[in-house]
Amino acid sequence: MKYMVSVIDDRTASGTSDEMVAIDAFNERVVADGHWVLAGGLASPSASTVIDGRGEEPVFTDGPFLESKEHIAGFWIFEAPDLETALELAVDGSKACNRRVEVRPFL
């Protein structure tokens, strides 16, 4: 099963050099253990565009869908046999990036 682990932050690209080293080491271990699917950092919410294509013409709105102090600054997608394994990976990812994370299973 696949799980998305969202990294929660109130800034963008805020990782220190020590945190980046820890994240790289964590990523290498996740790849070696066969859980890696995809990961990435995200631009600031102010760089986003919200699109509503439900009507006759699409409506494009600059900026985030929701105004919030915190946002998803990055993410991992893991392949794990169960939620317990995904949560263990998320704990290690949270420690590596020094941020809170949210785990959500794919449907």
PDB file of N, CA and C in Angstrom:
ATOM      1  N   MET A   1       0.841  -1.172   0.000  1.00  0.00           N
ATOM      2  CA  MET A   1       0.000   0.000   0.000  1.00  0.00           C
ATOM      3  C   MET A   1       0.891   1.243   0.000  1.00  0.00           C
ATOM      4  N   LYS A   2       0.393   2.294  -0.618  1.00  0.00           N
ATOM      5  CA  LYS A   2       1.149   3.541  -0.668  1.00  0.00           C
ATOM      6  C   LYS A   2       0.613   4.518   0.378  1.00  0.00           C
ATOM      7  N   TYR A   3       1.549   5.305   0.926  1.00  0.00           N
ATOM      8  CA  TYR A   3       1.234   6.309   1.932  1.00  0.00           C
ATOM      9  C   TYR A   3       1.915   7.613   1.560  1.00  0.00           C
ATOM     10  N   MET A   4       1.209   8.720   1.765  1.00  0.00           N
ATOM     11  CA  MET A   4       1.801  10.033   1.579  1.00  0.00           C
ATOM     12  C   MET A   4       2.142  10.599   2.945  1.00  0.00           C
ATOM     13  N   VAL A   5       3.370  11.047   3.084  1.00  0.00           N
ATOM     14  CA  VAL A   5       3.824  11.689   4.310  1.00  0.00           C
ATOM     15  C   VAL A   5       4.085  13.149   3.975  1.00  0.00           C
ATOM     16  N   SER A   6       3.252  14.039   4.492  1.00  0.00           N
ATOM     17  CA  SER A   6       3.365  15.472   4.236  1.00  0.00           C
ATOM     18  C   SER A   6       4.220  16.117   5.318  1.00  0.00           C
ATOM     19  N   VAL A   7       5.177  16.933   4.899  1.00  0.00           N
ATOM     20  CA  VAL A   7       6.028  17.671   5.833  1.00  0.00           C
ATOM     21  C   VAL A   7       5.370  19.024   6.094  1.00  0.00           C
ATOM     22  N   ILE A   8       5.130  19.341   7.351  1.00  0.00           N
ATOM     23  CA  ILE A   8       4.417  20.552   7.734  1.00  0.00           C
ATOM     24  C   ILE A   8       5.420  21.603   8.217  1.00  0.00           C
ATOM     25  N   ASP A   9       5.325  22.812   7.664  1.00  0.00           N
ATOM     26  CA  ASP A   9       6.240  23.890   8.039  1.00  0.00           C
ATOM     27  C   ASP A   9       5.521  25.225   7.867  1.00  0.00           C
ATOM     28  N   ASP A  10       6.083  26.270   8.421  1.00  0.00           N
ATOM     29  CA  ASP A  10       5.527  27.602   8.221  1.00  0.00           C
ATOM     30  C   ASP A  10       6.434  28.452   7.330  1.00  0.00           C
ATOM     31  N   ARG A  11       7.468  27.814   6.782  1.00  0.00           N
ATOM     32  CA  ARG A  11       8.379  28.480   5.850  1.00  0.00           C
ATOM     33  C   ARG A  11       8.650  27.524   4.693  1.00  0.00           C
ATOM     34  N   THR A  12       9.261  28.041   3.636  1.00  0.00           N
ATOM     35  CA  THR A  12       9.616  27.229   2.470  1.00  0.00           C
ATOM     36  C   THR A  12      11.122  27.138   2.379  1.00  0.00           C
ATOM     37  N   ALA A  13      11.622  25.944   2.026  1.00  0.00           N
ATOM     38  CA  ALA A  13      13.071  25.714   1.884  1.00  0.00           C
ATOM     39  C   ALA A  13      13.807  26.142   3.148  1.00  0.00           C
ATOM     40  N   SER A  14      13.285  25.753   4.295  1.00  0.00           N
ATOM     41  CA  SER A  14      13.832  26.212   5.569  1.00  0.00           C
ATOM     42  C   SER A  14      14.819  25.233   6.196  1.00  0.00           C
ATOM     43  N   GLY A  15      15.096  24.123   5.526  1.00  0.00           N
ATOM     44  CA  GLY A  15      15.995  23.122   6.094  1.00  0.00           C
ATOM     45  C   GLY A  15      17.412  23.644   6.247  1.00  0.00           C
ATOM     46  N   THR A  16      17.992  23.378   7.404  1.00  0.00           N
ATOM     47  CA  THR A  16      19.392  23.747   7.633  1.00  0.00           C
ATOM     48  C   THR A  16      20.296  22.743   6.924  1.00  0.00           C
ATOM     49  N   SER A  17      21.577  23.045   6.845  1.00  0.00           N
ATOM     50  CA  SER A  17      22.496  22.108   6.189  1.00  0.00           C
ATOM     51  C   SER A  17      22.549  20.784   6.948  1.00  0.00           C
ATOM     52  N   ASP A  18      22.494  20.817   8.281  1.00  0.00           N
ATOM     53  CA  ASP A  18      22.484  19.573   9.066  1.00  0.00           C
ATOM     54  C   ASP A  18      21.209  18.772   8.805  1.00  0.00           C
ATOM     55  N   GLU A  19      20.074  19.465   8.704  1.00  0.00           N
ATOM     56  CA  GLU A  19      18.818  18.775   8.414  1.00  0.00           C
ATOM     57  C   GLU A  19      18.857  18.154   7.016  1.00  0.00           C
ATOM     58  N   MET A  20      19.438  18.845   6.058  1.00  0.00           N
ATOM     59  CA  MET A  20      19.516  18.303   4.698  1.00  0.00           C
ATOM     60  C   MET A  20      20.382  17.045   4.656  1.00  0.00           C
ATOM     61  N   VAL A  21      21.465  17.023   5.416  1.00  0.00           N
ATOM     62  CA  VAL A  21      22.302  15.823   5.506  1.00  0.00           C
ATOM     63  C   VAL A  21      21.499  14.672   6.094  1.00  0.00           C
ATOM     64  N   ALA A  22      20.743  14.945   7.161  1.00  0.00           N
ATOM     65  CA  ALA A  22      19.923  13.906   7.797  1.00  0.00           C
ATOM     66  C   ALA A  22      18.829  13.421   6.852  1.00  0.00           C
ATOM     67  N   ILE A  23      18.213  14.330   6.108  1.00  0.00           N
ATOM     68  CA  ILE A  23      17.169  13.952   5.149  1.00  0.00           C
ATOM     69  C   ILE A  23      17.749  13.083   4.045  1.00  0.00           C
ATOM     70  N   ASP A  24      18.922  13.453   3.521  1.00  0.00           N
ATOM     71  CA  ASP A  24      19.567  12.651   2.479  1.00  0.00           C
ATOM     72  C   ASP A  24      19.872  11.245   2.984  1.00  0.00           C
ATOM     73  N   ALA A  25      20.386  11.133   4.209  1.00  0.00           N
ATOM     74  CA  ALA A  25      20.686   9.815   4.787  1.00  0.00           C
ATOM     75  C   ALA A  25      19.404   9.002   4.960  1.00  0.00           C
ATOM     76  N   PHE A  26      18.343   9.643   5.442  1.00  0.00           N
ATOM     77  CA  PHE A  26      17.058   8.968   5.594  1.00  0.00           C
ATOM     78  C   PHE A  26      16.549   8.492   4.237  1.00  0.00           C
ATOM     79  N   ASN A  27      16.591   9.359   3.230  1.00  0.00           N
ATOM     80  CA  ASN A  27      16.131   8.985   1.891  1.00  0.00           C
ATOM     81  C   ASN A  27      16.910   7.790   1.352  1.00  0.00           C
ATOM     82  N   GLU A  28      18.219   7.789   1.532  1.00  0.00           N
ATOM     83  CA  GLU A  28      19.052   6.661   1.064  1.00  0.00           C
ATOM     84  C   GLU A  28      18.634   5.360   1.740  1.00  0.00           C
ATOM     85  N   ARG A  29      18.321   5.418   3.031  1.00  0.00           N
ATOM     86  CA  ARG A  29      17.898   4.218   3.753  1.00  0.00           C
ATOM     87  C   ARG A  29      16.534   3.731   3.257  1.00  0.00           C
ATOM     88  N   VAL A  30      15.608   4.669   3.009  1.00  0.00           N
ATOM     89  CA  VAL A  30      14.278   4.303   2.527  1.00  0.00           C
ATOM     90  C   VAL A  30      14.379   3.643   1.150  1.00  0.00           C
ATOM     91  N   VAL A  31      15.252   4.173   0.292  1.00  0.00           N
ATOM     92  CA  VAL A  31      15.477   3.569  -1.029  1.00  0.00           C
ATOM     93  C   VAL A  31      16.039   2.165  -0.854  1.00  0.00           C
ATOM     94  N   ALA A  32      17.065   2.028  -0.022  1.00  0.00           N
ATOM     95  CA  ALA A  32      17.717   0.728   0.190  1.00  0.00           C
ATOM     96  C   ALA A  32      16.753  -0.304   0.763  1.00  0.00           C
ATOM     97  N   ASP A  33      15.812   0.141   1.595  1.00  0.00           N
ATOM     98  CA  ASP A  33      14.853  -0.777   2.212  1.00  0.00           C
ATOM     99  C   ASP A  33      13.645  -1.077   1.317  1.00  0.00           C
ATOM    100  N   GLY A  34      13.592  -0.440   0.130  1.00  0.00           N
ATOM    101  CA  GLY A  34      12.534  -0.739  -0.826  1.00  0.00           C
ATOM    102  C   GLY A  34      11.213  -0.031  -0.591  1.00  0.00           C
ATOM    103  N   HIS A  35      11.210   1.017   0.229  1.00  0.00           N
ATOM    104  CA  HIS A  35       9.966   1.738   0.519  1.00  0.00           C
ATOM    105  C   HIS A  35       9.792   2.995  -0.335  1.00  0.00           C
ATOM    106  N   TRP A  36      10.830   3.417  -1.030  1.00  0.00           N
ATOM    107  CA  TRP A  36      10.832   4.678  -1.781  1.00  0.00           C
ATOM    108  C   TRP A  36       9.916   4.613  -2.987  1.00  0.00           C
ATOM    109  N   VAL A  37       9.070   5.600  -3.147  1.00  0.00           N
ATOM    110  CA  VAL A  37       8.299   5.789  -4.369  1.00  0.00           C
ATOM    111  C   VAL A  37       8.647   7.141  -4.964  1.00  0.00           C
ATOM    112  N   LEU A  38       8.527   8.207  -4.166  1.00  0.00           N
ATOM    113  CA  LEU A  38       8.730   9.559  -4.666  1.00  0.00           C
ATOM    114  C   LEU A  38       8.842  10.507  -3.481  1.00  0.00           C
ATOM    115  N   ALA A  39       9.571  11.597  -3.644  1.00  0.00           N
ATOM    116  CA  ALA A  39       9.635  12.635  -2.623  1.00  0.00           C
ATOM    117  C   ALA A  39       9.967  13.954  -3.298  1.00  0.00           C
ATOM    118  N   GLY A  40       9.650  15.047  -2.618  1.00  0.00           N
ATOM    119  CA  GLY A  40      10.007  16.348  -3.156  1.00  0.00           C
ATOM    120  C   GLY A  40       9.639  17.465  -2.210  1.00  0.00           C
ATOM    121  N   GLY A  41      10.317  18.574  -2.394  1.00  0.00           N
ATOM    122  CA  GLY A  41       9.977  19.801  -1.681  1.00  0.00           C
ATOM    123  C   GLY A  41       9.030  20.603  -2.554  1.00  0.00           C
ATOM    124  N   LEU A  42       8.250  21.459  -1.938  1.00  0.00           N
ATOM    125  CA  LEU A  42       7.274  22.260  -2.672  1.00  0.00           C
ATOM    126  C   LEU A  42       7.575  23.747  -2.526  1.00  0.00           C
ATOM    127  N   ALA A  43       7.253  24.503  -3.564  1.00  0.00           N
ATOM    128  CA  ALA A  43       7.396  25.951  -3.517  1.00  0.00           C
ATOM    129  C   ALA A  43       6.403  26.535  -2.519  1.00  0.00           C
ATOM    130  N   SER A  44       6.596  27.781  -2.198  1.00  0.00           N
ATOM    131  CA  SER A  44       5.714  28.491  -1.274  1.00  0.00           C
ATOM    132  C   SER A  44       4.269  28.459  -1.767  1.00  0.00           C
ATOM    133  N   PRO A  45       3.302  28.428  -0.843  1.00  0.00           N
ATOM    134  CA  PRO A  45       1.890  28.474  -1.259  1.00  0.00           C
ATOM    135  C   PRO A  45       1.567  29.681  -2.136  1.00  0.00           C
ATOM    136  N   SER A  46       2.305  30.759  -1.984  1.00  0.00           N
ATOM    137  CA  SER A  46       2.043  31.942  -2.806  1.00  0.00           C
ATOM    138  C   SER A  46       2.347  31.686  -4.281  1.00  0.00           C
ATOM    139  N   ALA A  47       3.072  30.619  -4.584  1.00  0.00           N
ATOM    140  CA  ALA A  47       3.387  30.261  -5.971  1.00  0.00           C
ATOM    141  C   ALA A  47       2.321  29.369  -6.595  1.00  0.00           C
ATOM    142  N   SER A  48       1.294  29.036  -5.817  1.00  0.00           N
ATOM    143  CA  SER A  48       0.281  28.089  -6.306  1.00  0.00           C
ATOM    144  C   SER A  48      -0.798  28.776  -7.134  1.00  0.00           C
ATOM    145  N   THR A  49      -1.494  27.965  -7.908  1.00  0.00           N
ATOM    146  CA  THR A  49      -2.661  28.400  -8.670  1.00  0.00           C
ATOM    147  C   THR A  49      -3.783  27.409  -8.411  1.00  0.00           C
ATOM    148  N   VAL A  50      -4.941  27.925  -8.026  1.00  0.00           N
ATOM    149  CA  VAL A  50      -6.118  27.088  -7.812  1.00  0.00           C
ATOM    150  C   VAL A  50      -6.957  27.156  -9.086  1.00  0.00           C
ATOM    151  N   ILE A  51      -7.391  26.001  -9.579  1.00  0.00           N
ATOM    152  CA  ILE A  51      -8.155  25.921 -10.826  1.00  0.00           C
ATOM    153  C   ILE A  51      -9.499  25.273 -10.549  1.00  0.00           C
ATOM    154  N   ASP A  52     -10.553  25.911 -11.004  1.00  0.00           N
ATOM    155  CA  ASP A  52     -11.899  25.339 -10.916  1.00  0.00           C
ATOM    156  C   ASP A  52     -12.388  25.149 -12.348  1.00  0.00           C
ATOM    157  N   GLY A  53     -12.342  23.911 -12.812  1.00  0.00           N
ATOM    158  CA  GLY A  53     -12.741  23.595 -14.171  1.00  0.00           C
ATOM    159  C   GLY A  53     -14.141  23.021 -14.275  1.00  0.00           C
ATOM    160  N   ARG A  54     -14.972  23.246 -13.278  1.00  0.00           N
ATOM    161  CA  ARG A  54     -16.299  22.638 -13.257  1.00  0.00           C
ATOM    162  C   ARG A  54     -17.313  23.374 -14.120  1.00  0.00           C
ATOM    163  N   GLY A  55     -17.071  24.625 -14.438  1.00  0.00           N
ATOM    164  CA  GLY A  55     -18.042  25.397 -15.197  1.00  0.00           C
ATOM    165  C   GLY A  55     -17.735  25.405 -16.681  1.00  0.00           C
ATOM    166  N   GLU A  56     -18.416  26.298 -17.393  1.00  0.00           N
ATOM    167  CA  GLU A  56     -18.217  26.443 -18.842  1.00  0.00           C
ATOM    168  C   GLU A  56     -16.772  26.810 -19.156  1.00  0.00           C
ATOM    169  N   GLU A  57     -16.215  27.735 -18.369  1.00  0.00           N
ATOM    170  CA  GLU A  57     -14.840  28.189 -18.538  1.00  0.00           C
ATOM    171  C   GLU A  57     -14.076  27.941 -17.239  1.00  0.00           C
ATOM    172  N   PRO A  58     -12.833  27.512 -17.324  1.00  0.00           N
ATOM    173  CA  PRO A  58     -12.071  27.321 -16.088  1.00  0.00           C
ATOM    174  C   PRO A  58     -11.782  28.658 -15.417  1.00  0.00           C
ATOM    175  N   VAL A  59     -11.744  28.637 -14.080  1.00  0.00           N
ATOM    176  CA  VAL A  59     -11.424  29.821 -13.296  1.00  0.00           C
ATOM    177  C   VAL A  59     -10.081  29.571 -12.622  1.00  0.00           C
ATOM    178  N   PHE A  60      -9.133  30.480 -12.844  1.00  0.00           N
ATOM    179  CA  PHE A  60      -7.798  30.393 -12.272  1.00  0.00           C
ATOM    180  C   PHE A  60      -7.651  31.459 -11.191  1.00  0.00           C
ATOM    181  N   THR A  61      -7.193  31.053 -10.002  1.00  0.00           N
ATOM    182  CA  THR A  61      -6.990  31.977  -8.897  1.00  0.00           C
ATOM    183  C   THR A  61      -5.571  31.817  -8.382  1.00  0.00           C
ATOM    184  N   ASP A  62      -4.837  32.923  -8.298  1.00  0.00           N
ATOM    185  CA  ASP A  62      -3.477  32.878  -7.757  1.00  0.00           C
ATOM    186  C   ASP A  62      -3.514  32.668  -6.255  1.00  0.00           C
ATOM    187  N   GLY A  63      -2.516  31.965  -5.769  1.00  0.00           N
ATOM    188  CA  GLY A  63      -2.371  31.788  -4.328  1.00  0.00           C
ATOM    189  C   GLY A  63      -2.975  30.501  -3.832  1.00  0.00           C
ATOM    190  N   PRO A  64      -2.810  30.245  -2.558  1.00  0.00           N
ATOM    191  CA  PRO A  64      -3.240  28.958  -1.999  1.00  0.00           C
ATOM    192  C   PRO A  64      -4.749  28.813  -1.918  1.00  0.00           C
ATOM    193  N   PHE A  65      -5.182  27.573  -1.908  1.00  0.00           N
ATOM    194  CA  PHE A  65      -6.595  27.228  -1.721  1.00  0.00           C
ATOM    195  C   PHE A  65      -7.055  27.674  -0.343  1.00  0.00           C
ATOM    196  N   LEU A  66      -6.222  27.427   0.653  1.00  0.00           N
ATOM    197  CA  LEU A  66      -6.532  27.810   2.032  1.00  0.00           C
ATOM    198  C   LEU A  66      -5.455  28.746   2.554  1.00  0.00           C
ATOM    199  N   GLU A  67      -5.852  29.775   3.270  1.00  0.00           N
ATOM    200  CA  GLU A  67      -4.893  30.631   3.961  1.00  0.00           C
ATOM    201  C   GLU A  67      -4.587  29.973   5.298  1.00  0.00           C
ATOM    202  N   SER A  68      -3.317  29.752   5.558  1.00  0.00           N
ATOM    203  CA  SER A  68      -2.926  29.083   6.785  1.00  0.00           C
ATOM    204  C   SER A  68      -1.501  29.481   7.130  1.00  0.00           C
ATOM    205  N   LYS A  69      -1.191  29.494   8.408  1.00  0.00           N
ATOM    206  CA  LYS A  69       0.170  29.797   8.838  1.00  0.00           C
ATOM    207  C   LYS A  69       1.112  28.675   8.425  1.00  0.00           C
ATOM    208  N   GLU A  70       0.645  27.436   8.525  1.00  0.00           N
ATOM    209  CA  GLU A  70       1.452  26.281   8.151  1.00  0.00           C
ATOM    210  C   GLU A  70       0.967  25.729   6.819  1.00  0.00           C
ATOM    211  N   HIS A  71       1.857  25.036   6.137  1.00  0.00           N
ATOM    212  CA  HIS A  71       1.514  24.461   4.838  1.00  0.00           C
ATOM    213  C   HIS A  71       2.348  23.204   4.604  1.00  0.00           C
ATOM    214  N   ILE A  72       2.042  22.506   3.535  1.00  0.00           N
ATOM    215  CA  ILE A  72       2.819  21.333   3.152  1.00  0.00           C
ATOM    216  C   ILE A  72       4.063  21.842   2.417  1.00  0.00           C
ATOM    217  N   ALA A  73       5.211  21.658   3.049  1.00  0.00           N
ATOM    218  CA  ALA A  73       6.471  22.151   2.495  1.00  0.00           C
ATOM    219  C   ALA A  73       7.164  21.097   1.641  1.00  0.00           C
ATOM    220  N   GLY A  74       6.785  19.852   1.814  1.00  0.00           N
ATOM    221  CA  GLY A  74       7.372  18.753   1.060  1.00  0.00           C
ATOM    222  C   GLY A  74       6.609  17.479   1.356  1.00  0.00           C
ATOM    223  N   PHE A  75       7.042  16.391   0.733  1.00  0.00           N
ATOM    224  CA  PHE A  75       6.320  15.136   0.927  1.00  0.00           C
ATOM    225  C   PHE A  75       7.202  13.952   0.564  1.00  0.00           C
ATOM    226  N   TRP A  76       6.823  12.823   1.084  1.00  0.00           N
ATOM    227  CA  TRP A  76       7.339  11.522   0.673  1.00  0.00           C
ATOM    228  C   TRP A  76       6.156  10.660   0.285  1.00  0.00           C
ATOM    229  N   ILE A  77       6.340   9.799  -0.682  1.00  0.00           N
ATOM    230  CA  ILE A  77       5.399   8.727  -0.976  1.00  0.00           C
ATOM    231  C   ILE A  77       6.151   7.431  -0.695  1.00  0.00           C
ATOM    232  N   PHE A  78       5.634   6.646   0.232  1.00  0.00           N
ATOM    233  CA  PHE A  78       6.252   5.373   0.608  1.00  0.00           C
ATOM    234  C   PHE A  78       5.370   4.211   0.182  1.00  0.00           C
ATOM    235  N   GLU A  79       6.000   3.108  -0.124  1.00  0.00           N
ATOM    236  CA  GLU A  79       5.330   1.822  -0.287  1.00  0.00           C
ATOM    237  C   GLU A  79       5.613   1.050   0.988  1.00  0.00           C
ATOM    238  N   ALA A  80       4.560   0.647   1.684  1.00  0.00           N
ATOM    239  CA  ALA A  80       4.722  -0.079   2.939  1.00  0.00           C
ATOM    240  C   ALA A  80       3.651  -1.158   3.032  1.00  0.00           C
ATOM    241  N   PRO A  81       3.967  -2.268   3.692  1.00  0.00           N
ATOM    242  CA  PRO A  81       2.997  -3.358   3.777  1.00  0.00           C
ATOM    243  C   PRO A  81       1.795  -3.043   4.660  1.00  0.00           C
ATOM    244  N   ASP A  82       1.961  -2.065   5.588  1.00  0.00           N
ATOM    245  CA  ASP A  82       0.870  -1.750   6.506  1.00  0.00           C
ATOM    246  C   ASP A  82       1.091  -0.368   7.115  1.00  0.00           C
ATOM    247  N   LEU A  83       0.066   0.125   7.812  1.00  0.00           N
ATOM    248  CA  LEU A  83       0.127   1.449   8.419  1.00  0.00           C
ATOM    249  C   LEU A  83       1.230   1.528   9.466  1.00  0.00           C
ATOM    250  N   GLU A  84       1.423   0.478  10.230  1.00  0.00           N
ATOM    251  CA  GLU A  84       2.449   0.486  11.272  1.00  0.00           C
ATOM    252  C   GLU A  84       3.830   0.775  10.677  1.00  0.00           C
ATOM    253  N   THR A  85       4.155   0.140   9.566  1.00  0.00           N
ATOM    254  CA  THR A  85       5.438   0.379   8.907  1.00  0.00           C
ATOM    255  C   THR A  85       5.513   1.811   8.389  1.00  0.00           C
ATOM    256  N   ALA A  86       4.423   2.307   7.798  1.00  0.00           N
ATOM    257  CA  ALA A  86       4.393   3.686   7.300  1.00  0.00           C
ATOM    258  C   ALA A  86       4.596   4.678   8.440  1.00  0.00           C
ATOM    259  N   LEU A  87       3.982   4.413   9.583  1.00  0.00           N
ATOM    260  CA  LEU A  87       4.144   5.301  10.733  1.00  0.00           C
ATOM    261  C   LEU A  87       5.579   5.280  11.257  1.00  0.00           C
ATOM    262  N   GLU A  88       6.200   4.117  11.260  1.00  0.00           N
ATOM    263  CA  GLU A  88       7.604   4.029  11.682  1.00  0.00           C
ATOM    264  C   GLU A  88       8.502   4.828  10.739  1.00  0.00           C
ATOM    265  N   LEU A  89       8.258   4.713   9.441  1.00  0.00           N
ATOM    266  CA  LEU A  89       9.023   5.503   8.472  1.00  0.00           C
ATOM    267  C   LEU A  89       8.790   6.998   8.703  1.00  0.00           C
ATOM    268  N   ALA A  90       7.546   7.373   8.966  1.00  0.00           N
ATOM    269  CA  ALA A  90       7.209   8.776   9.184  1.00  0.00           C
ATOM    270  C   ALA A  90       7.897   9.336  10.430  1.00  0.00           C
ATOM    271  N   VAL A  91       7.991   8.534  11.480  1.00  0.00           N
ATOM    272  CA  VAL A  91       8.700   8.972  12.690  1.00  0.00           C
ATOM    273  C   VAL A  91      10.149   9.300  12.342  1.00  0.00           C
ATOM    274  N   ASP A  92      10.794   8.402  11.601  1.00  0.00           N
ATOM    275  CA  ASP A  92      12.187   8.629  11.220  1.00  0.00           C
ATOM    276  C   ASP A  92      12.322   9.832  10.277  1.00  0.00           C
ATOM    277  N   GLY A  93      11.356   9.998   9.373  1.00  0.00           N
ATOM    278  CA  GLY A  93      11.372  11.151   8.485  1.00  0.00           C
ATOM    279  C   GLY A  93      11.190  12.453   9.249  1.00  0.00           C
ATOM    280  N   SER A  94      10.299  12.448  10.229  1.00  0.00           N
ATOM    281  CA  SER A  94      10.078  13.624  11.061  1.00  0.00           C
ATOM    282  C   SER A  94      11.342  14.009  11.820  1.00  0.00           C
ATOM    283  N   LYS A  95      12.024  13.005  12.346  1.00  0.00           N
ATOM    284  CA  LYS A  95      13.289  13.268  13.045  1.00  0.00           C
ATOM    285  C   LYS A  95      14.327  13.835  12.080  1.00  0.00           C
ATOM    286  N   ALA A  96      14.408  13.255  10.886  1.00  0.00           N
ATOM    287  CA  ALA A  96      15.419  13.683   9.911  1.00  0.00           C
ATOM    288  C   ALA A  96      15.203  15.126   9.473  1.00  0.00           C
ATOM    289  N   CYS A  97      13.965  15.496   9.190  1.00  0.00           N
ATOM    290  CA  CYS A  97      13.706  16.848   8.685  1.00  0.00           C
ATOM    291  C   CYS A  97      13.408  17.841   9.799  1.00  0.00           C
ATOM    292  N   ASN A  98      13.250  17.338  11.034  1.00  0.00           N
ATOM    293  CA  ASN A  98      13.001  18.191  12.194  1.00  0.00           C
ATOM    294  C   ASN A  98      11.703  18.995  12.035  1.00  0.00           C
ATOM    295  N   ARG A  99      10.682  18.332  11.491  1.00  0.00           N
ATOM    296  CA  ARG A  99       9.380  18.953  11.279  1.00  0.00           C
ATOM    297  C   ARG A  99       8.294  17.936  11.647  1.00  0.00           C
ATOM    298  N   ARG A 100       7.084  18.436  11.911  1.00  0.00           N
ATOM    299  CA  ARG A 100       5.936  17.550  12.072  1.00  0.00           C
ATOM    300  C   ARG A 100       5.569  17.022  10.697  1.00  0.00           C
ATOM    301  N   VAL A 101       4.993  15.819  10.670  1.00  0.00           N
ATOM    302  CA  VAL A 101       4.531  15.223   9.417  1.00  0.00           C
ATOM    303  C   VAL A 101       3.143  14.641   9.610  1.00  0.00           C
ATOM    304  N   GLU A 102       2.444  14.468   8.498  1.00  0.00           N
ATOM    305  CA  GLU A 102       1.120  13.833   8.493  1.00  0.00           C
ATOM    306  C   GLU A 102       1.183  12.639   7.558  1.00  0.00           C
ATOM    307  N   VAL A 103       0.642  11.506   7.986  1.00  0.00           N
ATOM    308  CA  VAL A 103       0.611  10.286   7.174  1.00  0.00           C
ATOM    309  C   VAL A 103      -0.810  10.044   6.709  1.00  0.00           C
ATOM    310  N   ARG A 104      -0.959   9.810   5.393  1.00  0.00           N
ATOM    311  CA  ARG A 104      -2.289   9.486   4.844  1.00  0.00           C
ATOM    312  C   ARG A 104      -2.140   8.359   3.833  1.00  0.00           C
ATOM    313  N   PRO A 105      -2.965   7.307   3.978  1.00  0.00           N
ATOM    314  CA  PRO A 105      -2.918   6.221   2.995  1.00  0.00           C
ATOM    315  C   PRO A 105      -3.595   6.639   1.699  1.00  0.00           C
ATOM    316  N   PHE A 106      -3.107   6.097   0.605  1.00  0.00           N
ATOM    317  CA  PHE A 106      -3.787   6.265  -0.674  1.00  0.00           C
ATOM    318  C   PHE A 106      -5.048   5.406  -0.651  1.00  0.00           C
ATOM    319  N   LEU A 107      -6.063   5.817  -1.377  1.00  0.00           N
ATOM    320  CA  LEU A 107      -7.281   5.019  -1.495  1.00  0.00           C
ATOM    321  C   LEU A 107      -7.044   3.854  -2.448  1.00  0.00           C
TER     322      LEU A 107
END
